[in-house]
C-alpha atoms as a PDB file:
ATOM      1  CA  MET A   1       6.774  -8.107   7.685  1.00  0.00           C
ATOM      2  CA  LYS A   2       3.717  -8.224   9.924  1.00  0.00           C
ATOM      3  CA  CYS A   3       0.635  -9.949   8.547  1.00  0.00           C
ATOM      4  CA  CYS A   4      -2.904  -8.700   9.064  1.00  0.00           C
ATOM      5  CA  GLY A   5      -4.158 -12.201   9.922  1.00  0.00           C
ATOM      6  CA  ILE A   6      -6.317 -12.751   6.862  1.00  0.00           C
ATOM      7  CA  GLU A   7      -4.539 -15.433   4.883  1.00  0.00           C
ATOM      8  CA  PRO A   8      -6.418 -17.731   2.529  1.00  0.00           C
ATOM      9  CA  LEU A   9      -4.586 -21.043   2.416  1.00  0.00           C
ATOM     10  CA  GLY A  10      -6.178 -22.601  -0.632  1.00  0.00           C
ATOM     11  CA  ALA A  11      -8.802 -22.210  -3.315  1.00  0.00           C
ATOM     12  CA  VAL A  12     -11.655 -23.218  -1.021  1.00  0.00           C
ATOM     13  CA  SER A  13     -10.526 -21.072   1.913  1.00  0.00           C
ATOM     14  CA  TYR A  14     -10.302 -18.045  -0.380  1.00  0.00           C
ATOM     15  CA  LEU A  15     -14.096 -17.703  -0.426  1.00  0.00           C
ATOM     16  CA  VAL A  16     -16.630 -17.063   2.318  1.00  0.00           C
ATOM     17  CA  PRO A  17     -19.799 -19.176   2.320  1.00  0.00           C
ATOM     18  CA  ALA A  18     -22.079 -16.350   3.509  1.00  0.00           C
ATOM     19  CA  THR A  19     -25.170 -18.560   3.413  1.00  0.00           C
ATOM     20  CA  ASP A  20     -23.513 -21.394   5.330  1.00  0.00           C
ATOM     21  CA  ALA A  21     -23.870 -21.072   9.116  1.00  0.00           C
ATOM     22  CA  LYS A  22     -20.851 -23.323   9.734  1.00  0.00           C
ATOM     23  CA  GLY A  23     -18.641 -21.220   7.468  1.00  0.00           C
ATOM     24  CA  LEU A  24     -19.707 -18.023   9.172  1.00  0.00           C
ATOM     25  CA  ALA A  25     -19.150 -19.602  12.592  1.00  0.00           C
ATOM     26  CA  THR A  26     -15.579 -20.353  11.533  1.00  0.00           C
ATOM     27  CA  ILE A  27     -15.030 -16.703  10.726  1.00  0.00           C
ATOM     28  CA  CYS A  28     -16.680 -15.699  13.967  1.00  0.00           C
ATOM     29  CA  SER A  29     -14.615 -18.000  16.167  1.00  0.00           C
ATOM     30  CA  GLY A  30     -11.413 -17.696  14.181  1.00  0.00           C
ATOM     31  CA  PHE A  31     -10.848 -14.228  12.846  1.00  0.00           C
ATOM     32  CA  SER A  32     -13.245 -12.036  14.779  1.00  0.00           C
ATOM     33  CA  THR A  33     -12.665 -13.432  18.260  1.00  0.00           C
ATOM     34  CA  LYS A  34      -9.000 -14.407  18.022  1.00  0.00           C
ATOM     35  CA  LYS A  35      -7.620 -11.595  15.847  1.00  0.00           C
ATOM     36  CA  LEU A  36     -10.031  -8.779  16.676  1.00  0.00           C
ATOM     37  CA  GLY A  37     -10.881  -9.850  20.238  1.00  0.00           C
ATOM     38  CA  LEU A  38     -14.640  -9.497  19.802  1.00  0.00           C
ATOM     39  CA  THR A  39     -17.463 -11.031  21.743  1.00  0.00           C
ATOM     40  CA  ALA A  40     -19.798 -13.336  19.825  1.00  0.00           C
ATOM     41  CA  GLU A  41     -22.570 -10.712  19.760  1.00  0.00           C
ATOM     42  CA  VAL A  42     -20.335  -7.976  18.319  1.00  0.00           C
ATOM     43  CA  ALA A  43     -18.793 -10.440  15.871  1.00  0.00           C
ATOM     44  CA  ASP A  44     -22.255 -11.492  14.667  1.00  0.00           C
ATOM     45  CA  ALA A  45     -23.207  -7.859  14.070  1.00  0.00           C
ATOM     46  CA  GLY A  46     -20.008  -7.283  12.074  1.00  0.00           C
ATOM     47  CA  ILE A  47     -20.482 -10.461  10.063  1.00  0.00           C
ATOM     48  CA  GLU A  48     -24.058  -9.450   9.275  1.00  0.00           C
ATOM     49  CA  ALA A  49     -22.910  -5.988   8.141  1.00  0.00           C
ATOM     50  CA  ALA A  50     -20.152  -7.442   5.941  1.00  0.00           C
ATOM     51  CA  ALA A  51     -22.526  -9.991   4.407  1.00  0.00           C
ATOM     52  CA  LYS A  52     -25.036  -7.236   3.690  1.00  0.00           C
ATOM     53  CA  LYS A  53     -22.388  -5.119   1.914  1.00  0.00           C
ATOM     54  CA  MET A  54     -21.293  -8.095  -0.188  1.00  0.00           C
ATOM     55  CA  LYS A  55     -24.792  -9.426  -0.861  1.00  0.00           C
ATOM     56  CA  ALA A  56     -24.585  -8.792  -4.611  1.00  0.00           C
ATOM     57  CA  THR A  57     -21.250 -10.608  -4.901  1.00  0.00           C
ATOM     58  CA  ALA A  58     -21.693 -14.308  -5.606  1.00  0.00           C
ATOM     59  CA  ARG A  59     -18.111 -15.356  -4.798  1.00  0.00           C
ATOM     60  CA  LYS A  60     -17.184 -13.486  -1.623  1.00  0.00           C
ATOM     61  CA  SER A  61     -13.464 -13.064  -1.023  1.00  0.00           C
ATOM     62  CA  ARG A  62     -12.482 -13.987   2.542  1.00  0.00           C
ATOM     63  CA  VAL A  63      -9.959 -11.124   2.722  1.00  0.00           C
ATOM     64  CA  THR A  64     -12.528  -8.550   1.611  1.00  0.00           C
ATOM     65  CA  PHE A  65     -15.176 -10.022   3.894  1.00  0.00           C
ATOM     66  CA  CYS A  66     -12.882  -9.856   6.931  1.00  0.00           C
ATOM     67  CA  TYR A  67     -11.820  -6.320   6.053  1.00  0.00           C
ATOM     68  CA  LEU A  68     -15.466  -5.227   5.838  1.00  0.00           C
ATOM     69  CA  LEU A  69     -16.184  -6.992   9.132  1.00  0.00           C
ATOM     70  CA  ALA A  70     -13.365  -5.081  10.855  1.00  0.00           C
ATOM     71  CA  GLU A  71     -14.487  -1.837   9.211  1.00  0.00           C
ATOM     72  CA  ALA A  72     -18.098  -2.337  10.323  1.00  0.00           C
ATOM     73  CA  ILE A  73     -17.129  -2.605  13.978  1.00  0.00           C
ATOM     74  CA  ASP A  74     -14.350   0.004  13.840  1.00  0.00           C
ATOM     75  CA  THR A  75     -11.444  -2.361  14.519  1.00  0.00           C
ATOM     76  CA  LEU A  76      -9.334  -1.822  11.375  1.00  0.00           C
ATOM     77  CA  ASN A  77      -6.452  -0.679  13.580  1.00  0.00           C
ATOM     78  CA  LYS A  78      -6.125  -4.262  14.882  1.00  0.00           C
ATOM     79  CA  LEU A  79      -5.257  -5.520  11.400  1.00  0.00           C
ATOM     80  CA  TYR A  80      -1.870  -3.763  11.277  1.00  0.00           C
END
């Protein structure tokens, strides 16, 4: 079975700290550049779009956040 690359490893890693610059940088350098192959500028735009969509959600799921990031920059095909 092929994995989409979004795997929370524990209770803390399950959530995205959307207001924490370090947490968002981890997503940017980890998921968006390694898995999706994005430049930092494109990754930042996708992260901003995902954060905006999930603004009303207090506890942001990392899997949902990464899915919305990939959707925002039209790279969902790289998740399969």
